PDB file of N, CA and C in Angstrom:
ATOM      1  N   MET A   1      -9.188  12.545   3.399  1.00  0.00           N
ATOM      2  CA  MET A   1      -9.787  11.795   4.441  1.00  0.00           C
ATOM      3  C   MET A   1     -11.159  11.603   4.170  1.00  0.00           C
ATOM      4  N   LYS A   2     -11.713  10.476   4.646  1.00  0.00           N
ATOM      5  CA  LYS A   2     -13.078  10.123   4.515  1.00  0.00           C
ATOM      6  C   LYS A   2     -13.578   9.616   5.908  1.00  0.00           C
ATOM      7  N   LYS A   3     -14.898   9.754   6.091  1.00  0.00           N
ATOM      8  CA  LYS A   3     -15.635   9.154   7.187  1.00  0.00           C
ATOM      9  C   LYS A   3     -16.547   8.177   6.653  1.00  0.00           C
ATOM     10  N   ILE A   4     -16.430   6.963   7.106  1.00  0.00           N
ATOM     11  CA  ILE A   4     -17.261   5.909   6.765  1.00  0.00           C
ATOM     12  C   ILE A   4     -18.199   5.561   8.003  1.00  0.00           C
ATOM     13  N   GLU A   5     -19.405   5.633   7.733  1.00  0.00           N
ATOM     14  CA  GLU A   5     -20.540   5.305   8.797  1.00  0.00           C
ATOM     15  C   GLU A   5     -21.226   4.135   8.208  1.00  0.00           C
ATOM     16  N   ALA A   6     -21.303   3.058   9.046  1.00  0.00           N
ATOM     17  CA  ALA A   6     -22.005   1.795   8.581  1.00  0.00           C
ATOM     18  C   ALA A   6     -23.106   1.477   9.715  1.00  0.00           C
ATOM     19  N   VAL A   7     -24.347   1.264   9.328  1.00  0.00           N
ATOM     20  CA  VAL A   7     -25.416   0.890  10.205  1.00  0.00           C
ATOM     21  C   VAL A   7     -25.638  -0.639   9.899  1.00  0.00           C
ATOM     22  N   ILE A   8     -25.327  -1.447  10.910  1.00  0.00           N
ATOM     23  CA  ILE A   8     -25.314  -2.975  10.721  1.00  0.00           C
ATOM     24  C   ILE A   8     -26.141  -3.672  11.860  1.00  0.00           C
ATOM     25  N   LYS A   9     -26.328  -4.969  11.667  1.00  0.00           N
ATOM     26  CA  LYS A   9     -26.991  -5.682  12.650  1.00  0.00           C
ATOM     27  C   LYS A   9     -26.018  -5.905  13.762  1.00  0.00           C
ATOM     28  N   PRO A  10     -26.474  -5.797  15.061  1.00  0.00           N
ATOM     29  CA  PRO A  10     -25.659  -5.954  16.197  1.00  0.00           C
ATOM     30  C   PRO A  10     -24.815  -7.233  16.299  1.00  0.00           C
ATOM     31  N   PHE A  11     -25.246  -8.325  15.978  1.00  0.00           N
ATOM     32  CA  PHE A  11     -24.485  -9.593  15.913  1.00  0.00           C
ATOM     33  C   PHE A  11     -23.405  -9.639  15.021  1.00  0.00           C
ATOM     34  N   LYS A  12     -23.244  -8.670  14.140  1.00  0.00           N
ATOM     35  CA  LYS A  12     -22.228  -8.660  13.076  1.00  0.00           C
ATOM     36  C   LYS A  12     -21.002  -7.845  13.468  1.00  0.00           C
ATOM     37  N   LEU A  13     -21.193  -7.088  14.627  1.00  0.00           N
ATOM     38  CA  LEU A  13     -20.207  -6.128  15.133  1.00  0.00           C
ATOM     39  C   LEU A  13     -18.779  -6.630  15.243  1.00  0.00           C
ATOM     40  N   ASP A  14     -18.613  -7.853  15.866  1.00  0.00           N
ATOM     41  CA  ASP A  14     -17.188  -8.431  16.026  1.00  0.00           C
ATOM     42  C   ASP A  14     -16.644  -8.757  14.684  1.00  0.00           C
ATOM     43  N   GLU A  15     -17.371  -9.376  13.878  1.00  0.00           N
ATOM     44  CA  GLU A  15     -16.872  -9.572  12.373  1.00  0.00           C
ATOM     45  C   GLU A  15     -16.486  -8.430  11.684  1.00  0.00           C
ATOM     46  N   VAL A  16     -17.181  -7.413  11.716  1.00  0.00           N
ATOM     47  CA  VAL A  16     -16.901  -6.079  11.116  1.00  0.00           C
ATOM     48  C   VAL A  16     -15.681  -5.541  11.647  1.00  0.00           C
ATOM     49  N   LYS A  17     -15.579  -5.430  12.994  1.00  0.00           N
ATOM     50  CA  LYS A  17     -14.398  -4.943  13.608  1.00  0.00           C
ATOM     51  C   LYS A  17     -13.028  -5.563  13.349  1.00  0.00           C
ATOM     52  N   GLU A  18     -13.181  -6.977  13.207  1.00  0.00           N
ATOM     53  CA  GLU A  18     -11.967  -7.774  12.850  1.00  0.00           C
ATOM     54  C   GLU A  18     -11.668  -7.585  11.421  1.00  0.00           C
ATOM     55  N   ALA A  19     -12.584  -7.481  10.550  1.00  0.00           N
ATOM     56  CA  ALA A  19     -12.380  -7.196   9.127  1.00  0.00           C
ATOM     57  C   ALA A  19     -11.756  -5.854   8.936  1.00  0.00           C
ATOM     58  N   LEU A  20     -12.151  -4.841   9.685  1.00  0.00           N
ATOM     59  CA  LEU A  20     -11.521  -3.436   9.520  1.00  0.00           C
ATOM     60  C   LEU A  20     -10.109  -3.417  10.061  1.00  0.00           C
ATOM     61  N   GLN A  21      -9.843  -4.211  11.223  1.00  0.00           N
ATOM     62  CA  GLN A  21      -8.621  -4.257  11.633  1.00  0.00           C
ATOM     63  C   GLN A  21      -7.640  -4.912  10.700  1.00  0.00           C
ATOM     64  N   GLN A  22      -8.042  -5.899   9.944  1.00  0.00           N
ATOM     65  CA  GLN A  22      -7.243  -6.595   8.956  1.00  0.00           C
ATOM     66  C   GLN A  22      -6.852  -5.840   7.759  1.00  0.00           C
ATOM     67  N   VAL A  23      -7.710  -4.740   7.426  1.00  0.00           N
ATOM     68  CA  VAL A  23      -7.400  -3.904   6.315  1.00  0.00           C
ATOM     69  C   VAL A  23      -6.455  -2.750   6.777  1.00  0.00           C
ATOM     70  N   GLY A  24      -6.358  -2.480   8.052  1.00  0.00           N
ATOM     71  CA  GLY A  24      -5.426  -1.431   8.493  1.00  0.00           C
ATOM     72  C   GLY A  24      -6.123  -0.292   9.142  1.00  0.00           C
ATOM     73  N   VAL A  25      -7.491  -0.370   9.518  1.00  0.00           N
ATOM     74  CA  VAL A  25      -8.127   0.582  10.289  1.00  0.00           C
ATOM     75  C   VAL A  25      -7.923   0.550  11.716  1.00  0.00           C
ATOM     76  N   GLN A  26      -7.325   1.676  12.242  1.00  0.00           N
ATOM     77  CA  GLN A  26      -6.721   1.700  13.604  1.00  0.00           C
ATOM     78  C   GLN A  26      -7.785   2.015  14.693  1.00  0.00           C
ATOM     79  N   GLY A  27      -8.831   2.711  14.422  1.00  0.00           N
ATOM     80  CA  GLY A  27      -9.802   3.083  15.431  1.00  0.00           C
ATOM     81  C   GLY A  27     -11.160   3.170  14.899  1.00  0.00           C
ATOM     82  N   ILE A  28     -12.141   2.738  15.659  1.00  0.00           N
ATOM     83  CA  ILE A  28     -13.489   2.799  15.330  1.00  0.00           C
ATOM     84  C   ILE A  28     -14.375   3.293  16.521  1.00  0.00           C
ATOM     85  N   THR A  29     -15.515   4.030  16.180  1.00  0.00           N
ATOM     86  CA  THR A  29     -16.471   4.354  17.139  1.00  0.00           C
ATOM     87  C   THR A  29     -17.631   3.575  16.928  1.00  0.00           C
ATOM     88  N   VAL A  30     -18.212   3.015  18.095  1.00  0.00           N
ATOM     89  CA  VAL A  30     -19.474   2.266  18.002  1.00  0.00           C
ATOM     90  C   VAL A  30     -20.562   2.895  18.767  1.00  0.00           C
ATOM     91  N   ILE A  31     -21.625   3.019  18.154  1.00  0.00           N
ATOM     92  CA  ILE A  31     -22.957   3.647  18.794  1.00  0.00           C
ATOM     93  C   ILE A  31     -24.027   2.686  18.650  1.00  0.00           C
ATOM     94  N   GLU A  32     -24.756   2.427  19.771  1.00  0.00           N
ATOM     95  CA  GLU A  32     -25.919   1.504  19.826  1.00  0.00           C
ATOM     96  C   GLU A  32     -27.004   2.383  19.227  1.00  0.00           C
ATOM     97  N   ALA A  33     -27.816   1.975  18.347  1.00  0.00           N
ATOM     98  CA  ALA A  33     -28.863   2.733  17.755  1.00  0.00           C
ATOM     99  C   ALA A  33     -30.108   1.891  17.527  1.00  0.00           C
ATOM    100  N   LYS A  34     -31.235   2.539  17.175  1.00  0.00           N
ATOM    101  CA  LYS A  34     -32.478   1.886  16.745  1.00  0.00           C
ATOM    102  C   LYS A  34     -32.918   2.669  15.622  1.00  0.00           C
ATOM    103  N   GLY A  35     -33.547   1.775  14.618  1.00  0.00           N
ATOM    104  CA  GLY A  35     -34.057   2.390  13.426  1.00  0.00           C
ATOM    105  C   GLY A  35     -34.723   1.382  12.633  1.00  0.00           C
ATOM    106  N   PHE A  36     -35.266   1.876  11.428  1.00  0.00           N
ATOM    107  CA  PHE A  36     -35.813   0.913  10.473  1.00  0.00           C
ATOM    108  C   PHE A  36     -35.583   1.582   9.056  1.00  0.00           C
ATOM    109  N   GLY A  37     -35.697   0.644   8.073  1.00  0.00           N
ATOM    110  CA  GLY A  37     -35.639   1.093   6.727  1.00  0.00           C
ATOM    111  C   GLY A  37     -36.711   0.494   6.001  1.00  0.00           C
ATOM    112  N   ARG A  38     -36.402  -0.256   4.908  1.00  0.00           N
ATOM    113  CA  ARG A  38     -37.518  -0.844   4.200  1.00  0.00           C
ATOM    114  C   ARG A  38     -38.151  -2.016   4.977  1.00  0.00           C
ATOM    115  N   GLN A  39     -37.528  -2.566   6.016  1.00  0.00           N
ATOM    116  CA  GLN A  39     -38.172  -3.753   6.751  1.00  0.00           C
ATOM    117  C   GLN A  39     -39.266  -3.213   7.637  1.00  0.00           C
ATOM    118  N   LYS A  40     -39.260  -1.937   7.989  1.00  0.00           N
ATOM    119  CA  LYS A  40     -40.454  -1.337   8.720  1.00  0.00           C
ATOM    120  C   LYS A  40     -40.823  -1.963   9.997  1.00  0.00           C
ATOM    121  N   GLY A  41     -39.881  -2.630  10.714  1.00  0.00           N
ATOM    122  CA  GLY A  41     -40.264  -3.352  11.940  1.00  0.00           C
ATOM    123  C   GLY A  41     -41.071  -4.591  11.730  1.00  0.00           C
ATOM    124  N   HIS A  42     -41.652  -5.066  12.758  1.00  0.00           N
ATOM    125  CA  HIS A  42     -42.476  -6.259  12.800  1.00  0.00           C
ATOM    126  C   HIS A  42     -43.417  -6.244  13.898  1.00  0.00           C
ATOM    127  N   THR A  43     -44.468  -7.136  13.890  1.00  0.00           N
ATOM    128  CA  THR A  43     -45.398  -7.288  14.932  1.00  0.00           C
ATOM    129  C   THR A  43     -45.060  -8.430  15.917  1.00  0.00           C
ATOM    130  N   GLU A  44     -45.263  -8.243  17.170  1.00  0.00           N
ATOM    131  CA  GLU A  44     -45.108  -9.233  18.161  1.00  0.00           C
ATOM    132  C   GLU A  44     -46.384  -9.392  18.961  1.00  0.00           C
ATOM    133  N   LEU A  45     -46.412 -10.526  19.707  1.00  0.00           N
ATOM    134  CA  LEU A  45     -47.547 -10.740  20.663  1.00  0.00           C
ATOM    135  C   LEU A  45     -47.010 -10.802  22.005  1.00  0.00           C
ATOM    136  N   TYR A  46     -47.705  -9.975  22.824  1.00  0.00           N
ATOM    137  CA  TYR A  46     -47.297  -9.867  24.223  1.00  0.00           C
ATOM    138  C   TYR A  46     -48.559  -9.971  25.065  1.00  0.00           C
ATOM    139  N   ARG A  47     -48.777 -11.017  25.973  1.00  0.00           N
ATOM    140  CA  ARG A  47     -49.837 -11.237  26.842  1.00  0.00           C
ATOM    141  C   ARG A  47     -51.114 -11.080  25.988  1.00  0.00           C
ATOM    142  N   GLY A  48     -51.159 -11.739  24.918  1.00  0.00           N
ATOM    143  CA  GLY A  48     -52.262 -11.656  24.078  1.00  0.00           C
ATOM    144  C   GLY A  48     -52.549 -10.615  23.249  1.00  0.00           C
ATOM    145  N   ALA A  49     -51.879  -9.534  23.402  1.00  0.00           N
ATOM    146  CA  ALA A  49     -51.992  -8.258  22.498  1.00  0.00           C
ATOM    147  C   ALA A  49     -50.909  -8.130  21.437  1.00  0.00           C
ATOM    148  N   GLU A  50     -51.388  -7.866  20.353  1.00  0.00           N
ATOM    149  CA  GLU A  50     -50.435  -7.683  19.277  1.00  0.00           C
ATOM    150  C   GLU A  50     -49.932  -6.168  19.217  1.00  0.00           C
ATOM    151  N   TYR A  51     -48.537  -6.075  19.103  1.00  0.00           N
ATOM    152  CA  TYR A  51     -48.030  -4.586  18.867  1.00  0.00           C
ATOM    153  C   TYR A  51     -47.028  -4.635  17.971  1.00  0.00           C
ATOM    154  N   VAL A  52     -46.781  -3.328  17.406  1.00  0.00           N
ATOM    155  CA  VAL A  52     -45.643  -3.284  16.264  1.00  0.00           C
ATOM    156  C   VAL A  52     -44.425  -2.749  17.035  1.00  0.00           C
ATOM    157  N   VAL A  53     -43.346  -3.436  16.663  1.00  0.00           N
ATOM    158  CA  VAL A  53     -41.952  -3.025  16.980  1.00  0.00           C
ATOM    159  C   VAL A  53     -41.320  -2.129  15.919  1.00  0.00           C
ATOM    160  N   ASP A  54     -41.523  -0.833  15.950  1.00  0.00           N
ATOM    161  CA  ASP A  54     -41.013  -0.045  14.915  1.00  0.00           C
ATOM    162  C   ASP A  54     -39.536   0.040  14.724  1.00  0.00           C
ATOM    163  N   PHE A  55     -38.906   0.240  15.740  1.00  0.00           N
ATOM    164  CA  PHE A  55     -37.448   0.490  15.768  1.00  0.00           C
ATOM    165  C   PHE A  55     -36.740  -0.801  16.180  1.00  0.00           C
ATOM    166  N   LEU A  56     -35.863  -1.354  15.197  1.00  0.00           N
ATOM    167  CA  LEU A  56     -35.092  -2.444  15.428  1.00  0.00           C
ATOM    168  C   LEU A  56     -33.632  -2.133  15.899  1.00  0.00           C
ATOM    169  N   PRO A  57     -33.071  -2.893  16.836  1.00  0.00           N
ATOM    170  CA  PRO A  57     -31.766  -2.539  17.274  1.00  0.00           C
ATOM    171  C   PRO A  57     -30.734  -2.751  16.116  1.00  0.00           C
ATOM    172  N   LYS A  58     -29.903  -1.654  16.082  1.00  0.00           N
ATOM    173  CA  LYS A  58     -28.796  -1.614  15.119  1.00  0.00           C
ATOM    174  C   LYS A  58     -27.535  -1.066  15.826  1.00  0.00           C
ATOM    175  N   VAL A  59     -26.434  -1.261  15.150  1.00  0.00           N
ATOM    176  CA  VAL A  59     -25.197  -0.769  15.621  1.00  0.00           C
ATOM    177  C   VAL A  59     -24.684   0.240  14.625  1.00  0.00           C
ATOM    178  N   LYS A  60     -24.203   1.411  14.868  1.00  0.00           N
ATOM    179  CA  LYS A  60     -23.598   2.306  13.993  1.00  0.00           C
ATOM    180  C   LYS A  60     -22.106   2.440  14.256  1.00  0.00           C
ATOM    181  N   ILE A  61     -21.350   2.231  13.176  1.00  0.00           N
ATOM    182  CA  ILE A  61     -19.879   2.173  13.315  1.00  0.00           C
ATOM    183  C   ILE A  61     -19.368   3.334  12.510  1.00  0.00           C
ATOM    184  N   GLU A  62     -18.460   4.108  13.074  1.00  0.00           N
ATOM    185  CA  GLU A  62     -17.844   5.306  12.415  1.00  0.00           C
ATOM    186  C   GLU A  62     -16.352   5.124  12.413  1.00  0.00           C
ATOM    187  N   VAL A  63     -15.750   5.367  11.329  1.00  0.00           N
ATOM    188  CA  VAL A  63     -14.316   5.275  11.120  1.00  0.00           C
ATOM    189  C   VAL A  63     -13.881   6.543  10.220  1.00  0.00           C
ATOM    190  N   VAL A  64     -12.705   7.186  10.528  1.00  0.00           N
ATOM    191  CA  VAL A  64     -12.152   8.197   9.780  1.00  0.00           C
ATOM    192  C   VAL A  64     -10.847   7.623   9.221  1.00  0.00           C
ATOM    193  N   ILE A  65     -10.677   7.593   7.895  1.00  0.00           N
ATOM    194  CA  ILE A  65      -9.481   7.020   7.349  1.00  0.00           C
ATOM    195  C   ILE A  65      -9.000   7.874   6.198  1.00  0.00           C
ATOM    196  N   GLY A  66      -7.724   7.593   5.822  1.00  0.00           N
ATOM    197  CA  GLY A  66      -7.130   8.107   4.552  1.00  0.00           C
ATOM    198  C   GLY A  66      -7.803   7.572   3.381  1.00  0.00           C
ATOM    199  N   ASP A  67      -7.711   8.387   2.361  1.00  0.00           N
ATOM    200  CA  ASP A  67      -8.408   7.967   0.996  1.00  0.00           C
ATOM    201  C   ASP A  67      -7.893   6.720   0.543  1.00  0.00           C
ATOM    202  N   ASP A  68      -6.564   6.297   0.919  1.00  0.00           N
ATOM    203  CA  ASP A  68      -6.043   5.073   0.314  1.00  0.00           C
ATOM    204  C   ASP A  68      -6.749   3.741   0.807  1.00  0.00           C
ATOM    205  N   LEU A  69      -7.428   3.881   2.057  1.00  0.00           N
ATOM    206  CA  LEU A  69      -7.974   2.687   2.631  1.00  0.00           C
ATOM    207  C   LEU A  69      -9.482   2.733   2.396  1.00  0.00           C
ATOM    208  N   VAL A  70     -10.098   3.676   1.840  1.00  0.00           N
ATOM    209  CA  VAL A  70     -11.532   3.673   1.661  1.00  0.00           C
ATOM    210  C   VAL A  70     -12.163   2.488   0.992  1.00  0.00           C
ATOM    211  N   ASP A  71     -11.685   2.214  -0.172  1.00  0.00           N
ATOM    212  CA  ASP A  71     -12.278   0.937  -0.919  1.00  0.00           C
ATOM    213  C   ASP A  71     -12.141  -0.303  -0.130  1.00  0.00           C
ATOM    214  N   SER A  72     -10.952  -0.524   0.436  1.00  0.00           N
ATOM    215  CA  SER A  72     -10.821  -1.827   1.238  1.00  0.00           C
ATOM    216  C   SER A  72     -11.579  -1.910   2.440  1.00  0.00           C
ATOM    217  N   ALA A  73     -11.811  -0.716   3.117  1.00  0.00           N
ATOM    218  CA  ALA A  73     -12.655  -0.674   4.250  1.00  0.00           C
ATOM    219  C   ALA A  73     -14.196  -0.942   4.081  1.00  0.00           C
ATOM    220  N   ILE A  74     -14.578  -0.267   2.870  1.00  0.00           N
ATOM    221  CA  ILE A  74     -15.941  -0.430   2.439  1.00  0.00           C
ATOM    222  C   ILE A  74     -16.216  -1.915   2.118  1.00  0.00           C
ATOM    223  N   ASP A  75     -15.259  -2.562   1.383  1.00  0.00           N
ATOM    224  CA  ASP A  75     -15.426  -3.939   1.008  1.00  0.00           C
ATOM    225  C   ASP A  75     -15.409  -4.904   2.203  1.00  0.00           C
ATOM    226  N   ALA A  76     -14.501  -4.510   3.247  1.00  0.00           N
ATOM    227  CA  ALA A  76     -14.543  -5.292   4.358  1.00  0.00           C
ATOM    228  C   ALA A  76     -15.777  -5.242   5.142  1.00  0.00           C
ATOM    229  N   ILE A  77     -16.303  -4.051   5.344  1.00  0.00           N
ATOM    230  CA  ILE A  77     -17.634  -3.920   6.137  1.00  0.00           C
ATOM    231  C   ILE A  77     -18.610  -4.623   5.367  1.00  0.00           C
ATOM    232  N   ARG A  78     -18.756  -4.475   4.048  1.00  0.00           N
ATOM    233  CA  ARG A  78     -19.899  -5.122   3.294  1.00  0.00           C
ATOM    234  C   ARG A  78     -19.876  -6.537   3.375  1.00  0.00           C
ATOM    235  N   LYS A  79     -18.682  -7.130   3.200  1.00  0.00           N
ATOM    236  CA  LYS A  79     -18.539  -8.674   3.268  1.00  0.00           C
ATOM    237  C   LYS A  79     -18.742  -9.226   4.746  1.00  0.00           C
ATOM    238  N   ALA A  80     -18.302  -8.459   5.723  1.00  0.00           N
ATOM    239  CA  ALA A  80     -18.370  -8.975   7.128  1.00  0.00           C
ATOM    240  C   ALA A  80     -19.808  -8.793   7.592  1.00  0.00           C
ATOM    241  N   ALA A  81     -20.593  -7.783   7.154  1.00  0.00           N
ATOM    242  CA  ALA A  81     -22.002  -7.463   7.721  1.00  0.00           C
ATOM    243  C   ALA A  81     -22.956  -8.148   6.880  1.00  0.00           C
ATOM    244  N   GLN A  82     -22.612  -8.668   5.756  1.00  0.00           N
ATOM    245  CA  GLN A  82     -23.794  -9.224   4.807  1.00  0.00           C
ATOM    246  C   GLN A  82     -24.327 -10.553   5.369  1.00  0.00           C
ATOM    247  N   THR A  83     -25.637 -10.574   5.426  1.00  0.00           N
ATOM    248  CA  THR A  83     -26.293 -11.924   5.726  1.00  0.00           C
ATOM    249  C   THR A  83     -27.139 -12.410   4.663  1.00  0.00           C
ATOM    250  N   GLY A  84     -27.480 -11.420   3.646  1.00  0.00           N
ATOM    251  CA  GLY A  84     -28.282 -11.824   2.572  1.00  0.00           C
ATOM    252  C   GLY A  84     -29.767 -11.501   2.888  1.00  0.00           C
ATOM    253  N   ARG A  85     -29.995 -11.104   4.065  1.00  0.00           N
ATOM    254  CA  ARG A  85     -31.379 -10.937   4.467  1.00  0.00           C
ATOM    255  C   ARG A  85     -31.693  -9.357   4.525  1.00  0.00           C
ATOM    256  N   ILE A  86     -32.937  -9.032   4.588  1.00  0.00           N
ATOM    257  CA  ILE A  86     -33.439  -7.607   4.662  1.00  0.00           C
ATOM    258  C   ILE A  86     -32.877  -7.113   6.055  1.00  0.00           C
ATOM    259  N   GLY A  87     -32.532  -5.811   5.969  1.00  0.00           N
ATOM    260  CA  GLY A  87     -32.107  -5.201   7.299  1.00  0.00           C
ATOM    261  C   GLY A  87     -30.483  -5.353   7.506  1.00  0.00           C
ATOM    262  N   ASP A  88     -29.756  -5.777   6.446  1.00  0.00           N
ATOM    263  CA  ASP A  88     -28.339  -5.915   6.647  1.00  0.00           C
ATOM    264  C   ASP A  88     -27.608  -4.474   6.877  1.00  0.00           C
ATOM    265  N   GLY A  89     -28.221  -3.386   6.452  1.00  0.00           N
ATOM    266  CA  GLY A  89     -27.697  -2.049   6.806  1.00  0.00           C
ATOM    267  C   GLY A  89     -27.208  -1.288   5.570  1.00  0.00           C
ATOM    268  N   LYS A  90     -26.599  -0.164   5.907  1.00  0.00           N
ATOM    269  CA  LYS A  90     -26.204   0.760   4.947  1.00  0.00           C
ATOM    270  C   LYS A  90     -24.748   1.147   5.234  1.00  0.00           C
ATOM    271  N   ILE A  91     -23.985   1.679   4.247  1.00  0.00           N
ATOM    272  CA  ILE A  91     -22.720   2.358   4.432  1.00  0.00           C
ATOM    273  C   ILE A  91     -22.692   3.724   3.784  1.00  0.00           C
ATOM    274  N   PHE A  92     -22.345   4.605   4.648  1.00  0.00           N
ATOM    275  CA  PHE A  92     -22.292   6.112   4.145  1.00  0.00           C
ATOM    276  C   PHE A  92     -20.817   6.502   4.070  1.00  0.00           C
ATOM    277  N   VAL A  93     -20.452   7.229   3.098  1.00  0.00           N
ATOM    278  CA  VAL A  93     -19.123   7.885   2.979  1.00  0.00           C
ATOM    279  C   VAL A  93     -19.257   9.320   2.744  1.00  0.00           C
ATOM    280  N   SER A  94     -18.420  10.000   3.587  1.00  0.00           N
ATOM    281  CA  SER A  94     -18.396  11.549   3.426  1.00  0.00           C
ATOM    282  C   SER A  94     -16.933  11.957   3.589  1.00  0.00           C
ATOM    283  N   THR A  95     -16.734  13.145   3.101  1.00  0.00           N
ATOM    284  CA  THR A  95     -15.406  13.784   3.104  1.00  0.00           C
ATOM    285  C   THR A  95     -15.274  14.482   4.479  1.00  0.00           C
ATOM    286  N   ILE A  96     -13.954  14.456   4.925  1.00  0.00           N
ATOM    287  CA  ILE A  96     -13.600  15.066   6.182  1.00  0.00           C
ATOM    288  C   ILE A  96     -12.634  16.084   5.782  1.00  0.00           C
ATOM    289  N   GLU A  97     -12.860  17.397   6.274  1.00  0.00           N
ATOM    290  CA  GLU A  97     -12.087  18.413   5.941  1.00  0.00           C
ATOM    291  C   GLU A  97     -10.867  18.522   6.752  1.00  0.00           C
ATOM    292  N   GLU A  98     -10.897  18.240   8.034  1.00  0.00           N
ATOM    293  CA  GLU A  98      -9.860  18.424   9.047  1.00  0.00           C
ATOM    294  C   GLU A  98     -10.104  17.459  10.177  1.00  0.00           C
ATOM    295  N   VAL A  99      -8.941  17.000  10.711  1.00  0.00           N
ATOM    296  CA  VAL A  99      -8.932  16.182  11.894  1.00  0.00           C
ATOM    297  C   VAL A  99      -7.795  16.770  12.850  1.00  0.00           C
ATOM    298  N   ILE A 100      -8.074  16.940  14.252  1.00  0.00           N
ATOM    299  CA  ILE A 100      -7.113  17.414  15.118  1.00  0.00           C
ATOM    300  C   ILE A 100      -7.148  16.532  16.376  1.00  0.00           C
ATOM    301  N   ARG A 101      -5.979  16.065  16.647  1.00  0.00           N
ATOM    302  CA  ARG A 101      -5.775  15.140  17.835  1.00  0.00           C
ATOM    303  C   ARG A 101      -5.682  16.164  19.002  1.00  0.00           C
ATOM    304  N   ILE A 102      -6.644  16.142  20.015  1.00  0.00           N
ATOM    305  CA  ILE A 102      -6.606  16.951  21.139  1.00  0.00           C
ATOM    306  C   ILE A 102      -5.383  16.904  21.966  1.00  0.00           C
ATOM    307  N   ARG A 103      -4.873  15.740  22.245  1.00  0.00           N
ATOM    308  CA  ARG A 103      -3.769  15.607  23.188  1.00  0.00           C
ATOM    309  C   ARG A 103      -2.495  16.326  22.593  1.00  0.00           C
ATOM    310  N   THR A 104      -2.223  16.078  21.263  1.00  0.00           N
ATOM    311  CA  THR A 104      -0.823  16.589  20.801  1.00  0.00           C
ATOM    312  C   THR A 104      -1.058  17.786  19.902  1.00  0.00           C
ATOM    313  N   GLY A 105      -2.349  18.046  19.395  1.00  0.00           N
ATOM    314  CA  GLY A 105      -2.490  19.157  18.442  1.00  0.00           C
ATOM    315  C   GLY A 105      -2.170  18.723  16.966  1.00  0.00           C
ATOM    316  N   GLU A 106      -1.747  17.411  16.784  1.00  0.00           N
ATOM    317  CA  GLU A 106      -1.414  16.957  15.415  1.00  0.00           C
ATOM    318  C   GLU A 106      -2.737  17.213  14.556  1.00  0.00           C
ATOM    319  N   THR A 107      -2.554  17.474  13.272  1.00  0.00           N
ATOM    320  CA  THR A 107      -3.675  17.709  12.322  1.00  0.00           C
ATOM    321  C   THR A 107      -3.611  16.774  11.128  1.00  0.00           C
ATOM    322  N   GLY A 108      -4.667  16.630  10.429  1.00  0.00           N
ATOM    323  CA  GLY A 108      -4.797  15.902   9.174  1.00  0.00           C
ATOM    324  C   GLY A 108      -4.531  14.389   9.384  1.00  0.00           C
ATOM    325  N   ILE A 109      -3.916  13.749   8.428  1.00  0.00           N
ATOM    326  CA  ILE A 109      -3.867  12.229   8.468  1.00  0.00           C
ATOM    327  C   ILE A 109      -3.052  11.896   9.715  1.00  0.00           C
ATOM    328  N   ASP A 110      -2.142  12.597  10.158  1.00  0.00           N
ATOM    329  CA  ASP A 110      -1.277  12.320  11.410  1.00  0.00           C
ATOM    330  C   ASP A 110      -2.076  12.179  12.570  1.00  0.00           C
ATOM    331  N   ALA A 111      -3.303  12.819  12.612  1.00  0.00           N
ATOM    332  CA  ALA A 111      -4.085  12.801  13.824  1.00  0.00           C
ATOM    333  C   ALA A 111      -4.993  11.638  13.854  1.00  0.00           C
ATOM    334  N   ILE A 112      -5.105  10.898  12.776  1.00  0.00           N
ATOM    335  CA  ILE A 112      -6.037   9.747  12.811  1.00  0.00           C
ATOM    336  C   ILE A 112      -5.362   8.658  13.529  1.00  0.00           C
TER     337      ILE A 112
END
């Protein structure tokens, strides 16, 4: 099992969610986040004063899936979230040792 975490632009969330559903991902967790990478924020003017907006709004998506879906899920996220401009985001993949469904006690892939 793998955990895929994707940090994307907020307006791409619906497209990414639909793309993941089409490849068979059953559940996702969405977290509102702020951050910056290479784009380093930007400057804005407010009442005549210039200030730096360091942290830009982002959305973090987390999914835990079986190994068989990993490549198609990564491809779906990448295609749906891509705008071609700086700040499109990142995808992180890590191994999950165990999953337990609290309600039923199911474990492993059955718990996803």
